[in-house]
Amino acid sequence: MTNFIQITTTVIKLEEAIKITDNILNKKLAACAQIIGPIKSIYWWKNKIENKKEWLCIIKTKKHFFKKIEKLIKDIHSYELPEITVIPIINGSKEYLKWIDNEVKNK
């Protein structure tokens, strides 16, 4: 079951989140994406604490698409250093995981 992953990234504008997720889905690199927000992000950046409103993108895909999705996010993202993290989906309903498997391209 470790063939599946959830990729997360945060962006400053809803339009940027939509652009990233639309590109990923239109290329069939993921089965689905959720956009949550706005959320409050508080973090260290260049020796000071930042306090920003951001949008969280959660992308469900297969592990072997990570590099392509990472590149796409970096190409579109407005941040100098975007958050791009991966959580393995170690288990889930057989039907849901099969759906992810069927929805992404088979390359």
C-alpha atoms as a PDB file:
ATOM      1  CA  MET A   1       0.000   0.000   0.000  1.00  0.00           C
ATOM      2  CA  THR A   2       2.989   2.357   0.184  1.00  0.00           C
ATOM      3  CA  ASN A   3       2.702   3.153  -3.530  1.00  0.00           C
ATOM      4  CA  PHE A   4       0.400   6.083  -2.656  1.00  0.00           C
ATOM      5  CA  ILE A   5       1.322   9.465  -1.170  1.00  0.00           C
ATOM      6  CA  GLN A   6      -0.192  12.747  -0.112  1.00  0.00           C
ATOM      7  CA  ILE A   7       1.785  15.858  -1.134  1.00  0.00           C
ATOM      8  CA  THR A   8       1.246  19.169   0.637  1.00  0.00           C
ATOM      9  CA  THR A   9       2.201  22.696  -0.250  1.00  0.00           C
ATOM     10  CA  THR A  10       1.085  26.120   0.943  1.00  0.00           C
ATOM     11  CA  VAL A  11       0.646  29.244  -1.169  1.00  0.00           C
ATOM     12  CA  ILE A  12      -0.122  32.905  -0.523  1.00  0.00           C
ATOM     13  CA  LYS A  13      -3.134  33.245  -2.865  1.00  0.00           C
ATOM     14  CA  LEU A  14      -6.126  31.065  -3.672  1.00  0.00           C
ATOM     15  CA  GLU A  15      -5.538  31.642  -7.393  1.00  0.00           C
ATOM     16  CA  GLU A  16      -2.044  30.168  -7.086  1.00  0.00           C
ATOM     17  CA  ALA A  17      -3.425  27.094  -5.302  1.00  0.00           C
ATOM     18  CA  ILE A  18      -5.989  26.610  -8.066  1.00  0.00           C
ATOM     19  CA  LYS A  19      -3.344  27.032 -10.773  1.00  0.00           C
ATOM     20  CA  ILE A  20      -1.054  24.429  -9.158  1.00  0.00           C
ATOM     21  CA  THR A  21      -3.788  21.863  -8.544  1.00  0.00           C
ATOM     22  CA  ASP A  22      -5.405  22.377 -11.960  1.00  0.00           C
ATOM     23  CA  ASN A  23      -2.051  21.806 -13.681  1.00  0.00           C
ATOM     24  CA  ILE A  24      -1.383  18.629 -11.706  1.00  0.00           C
ATOM     25  CA  LEU A  25      -4.858  17.230 -12.343  1.00  0.00           C
ATOM     26  CA  ASN A  26      -4.941  18.178 -16.037  1.00  0.00           C
ATOM     27  CA  LYS A  27      -1.661  16.282 -16.534  1.00  0.00           C
ATOM     28  CA  LYS A  28      -3.234  13.246 -14.748  1.00  0.00           C
ATOM     29  CA  LEU A  29      -0.429  13.276 -12.158  1.00  0.00           C
ATOM     30  CA  ALA A  30      -2.903  13.033  -9.256  1.00  0.00           C
ATOM     31  CA  ALA A  31      -6.378  11.720  -8.639  1.00  0.00           C
ATOM     32  CA  CYS A  32      -7.536  14.638  -6.521  1.00  0.00           C
ATOM     33  CA  ALA A  33      -6.475  17.744  -4.670  1.00  0.00           C
ATOM     34  CA  GLN A  34      -8.054  19.713  -1.863  1.00  0.00           C
ATOM     35  CA  ILE A  35      -7.503  23.383  -1.192  1.00  0.00           C
ATOM     36  CA  ILE A  36      -8.035  24.428   2.403  1.00  0.00           C
ATOM     37  CA  GLY A  37      -7.966  27.959   3.659  1.00  0.00           C
ATOM     38  CA  PRO A  38      -7.261  30.475   4.390  1.00  0.00           C
ATOM     39  CA  ILE A  39      -5.110  29.140   7.201  1.00  0.00           C
ATOM     40  CA  LYS A  40      -2.814  31.062   9.528  1.00  0.00           C
ATOM     41  CA  SER A  41       0.856  30.140   9.102  1.00  0.00           C
ATOM     42  CA  ILE A  42       3.458  31.297  11.590  1.00  0.00           C
ATOM     43  CA  TYR A  43       7.054  30.381  10.776  1.00  0.00           C
ATOM     44  CA  TRP A  44      10.681  31.433  10.846  1.00  0.00           C
ATOM     45  CA  TRP A  45      12.000  33.020   7.638  1.00  0.00           C
ATOM     46  CA  LYS A  46      15.294  34.863   7.292  1.00  0.00           C
ATOM     47  CA  ASN A  47      15.776  35.296  11.037  1.00  0.00           C
ATOM     48  CA  LYS A  48      12.320  36.639  11.829  1.00  0.00           C
ATOM     49  CA  ILE A  49       8.920  35.205  12.578  1.00  0.00           C
ATOM     50  CA  GLU A  50       6.434  35.581   9.726  1.00  0.00           C
ATOM     51  CA  ASN A  51       2.689  35.571  10.271  1.00  0.00           C
ATOM     52  CA  LYS A  52       0.806  34.987   6.999  1.00  0.00           C
ATOM     53  CA  LYS A  53      -2.527  33.897   5.607  1.00  0.00           C
ATOM     54  CA  GLU A  54      -1.972  30.931   3.281  1.00  0.00           C
ATOM     55  CA  TRP A  55      -3.851  28.244   1.380  1.00  0.00           C
ATOM     56  CA  LEU A  56      -3.023  24.564   1.908  1.00  0.00           C
ATOM     57  CA  CYS A  57      -3.026  22.168  -1.055  1.00  0.00           C
ATOM     58  CA  ILE A  58      -3.312  18.438  -0.387  1.00  0.00           C
ATOM     59  CA  ILE A  59      -2.625  16.237  -3.409  1.00  0.00           C
ATOM     60  CA  LYS A  60      -3.298  12.460  -3.613  1.00  0.00           C
ATOM     61  CA  THR A  61      -1.125  10.542  -6.057  1.00  0.00           C
ATOM     62  CA  LYS A  62       1.315   7.698  -6.594  1.00  0.00           C
ATOM     63  CA  LYS A  63       4.836   7.826  -5.186  1.00  0.00           C
ATOM     64  CA  HIS A  64       6.570   7.682  -8.569  1.00  0.00           C
ATOM     65  CA  PHE A  65       4.920  10.982  -9.670  1.00  0.00           C
ATOM     66  CA  PHE A  66       6.541  12.984  -6.853  1.00  0.00           C
ATOM     67  CA  LYS A  67       9.459  14.414  -8.882  1.00  0.00           C
ATOM     68  CA  LYS A  68       7.148  15.594 -11.696  1.00  0.00           C
ATOM     69  CA  ILE A  69       4.746  17.189  -9.234  1.00  0.00           C
ATOM     70  CA  GLU A  70       7.596  18.763  -7.271  1.00  0.00           C
ATOM     71  CA  LYS A  71       8.951  20.358 -10.476  1.00  0.00           C
ATOM     72  CA  LEU A  72       5.517  21.608 -11.491  1.00  0.00           C
ATOM     73  CA  ILE A  73       4.941  23.159  -8.060  1.00  0.00           C
ATOM     74  CA  LYS A  74       8.362  24.857  -8.124  1.00  0.00           C
ATOM     75  CA  ASP A  75       7.765  26.175 -11.662  1.00  0.00           C
ATOM     76  CA  ILE A  76       4.466  27.814 -10.663  1.00  0.00           C
ATOM     77  CA  HIS A  77       5.042  28.685  -6.988  1.00  0.00           C
ATOM     78  CA  SER A  78       5.720  32.303  -6.043  1.00  0.00           C
ATOM     79  CA  TYR A  79       7.793  31.521  -2.927  1.00  0.00           C
ATOM     80  CA  GLU A  80      11.574  31.429  -2.986  1.00  0.00           C
ATOM     81  CA  LEU A  81      11.406  28.213  -0.919  1.00  0.00           C
ATOM     82  CA  PRO A  82       7.996  26.546  -1.165  1.00  0.00           C
ATOM     83  CA  GLU A  83       6.846  23.910   1.262  1.00  0.00           C
ATOM     84  CA  ILE A  84       6.644  20.597  -0.576  1.00  0.00           C
ATOM     85  CA  THR A  85       6.222  17.649   1.770  1.00  0.00           C
ATOM     86  CA  VAL A  86       5.126  14.041   1.357  1.00  0.00           C
ATOM     87  CA  ILE A  87       3.172  11.795   3.674  1.00  0.00           C
ATOM     88  CA  PRO A  88       3.003   8.132   2.684  1.00  0.00           C
ATOM     89  CA  ILE A  89      -0.476   6.666   2.595  1.00  0.00           C
ATOM     90  CA  ILE A  90       0.309   3.482   4.470  1.00  0.00           C
ATOM     91  CA  ASN A  91      -3.246   2.188   4.406  1.00  0.00           C
ATOM     92  CA  GLY A  92      -6.714   3.095   3.233  1.00  0.00           C
ATOM     93  CA  SER A  93      -9.852   1.606   1.840  1.00  0.00           C
ATOM     94  CA  LYS A  94      -9.061  -0.753  -1.003  1.00  0.00           C
ATOM     95  CA  GLU A  95     -11.672   0.959  -3.178  1.00  0.00           C
ATOM     96  CA  TYR A  96     -10.305   4.478  -2.585  1.00  0.00           C
ATOM     97  CA  LEU A  97      -6.715   3.465  -3.306  1.00  0.00           C
ATOM     98  CA  LYS A  98      -7.842   1.655  -6.436  1.00  0.00           C
ATOM     99  CA  TRP A  99      -9.615   4.849  -7.510  1.00  0.00           C
ATOM    100  CA  ILE A 100      -6.371   6.852  -7.089  1.00  0.00           C
ATOM    101  CA  ASP A 101      -4.529   4.173  -9.057  1.00  0.00           C
ATOM    102  CA  ASN A 102      -7.088   4.283 -11.888  1.00  0.00           C
ATOM    103  CA  GLU A 103      -7.259   8.089 -12.133  1.00  0.00           C
ATOM    104  CA  VAL A 104      -3.575   8.904 -12.594  1.00  0.00           C
ATOM    105  CA  LYS A 105      -1.782   8.178 -15.825  1.00  0.00           C
ATOM    106  CA  ASN A 106       0.008   4.865 -15.984  1.00  0.00           C
ATOM    107  CA  LYS A 107       3.533   6.027 -16.816  1.00  0.00           C
END
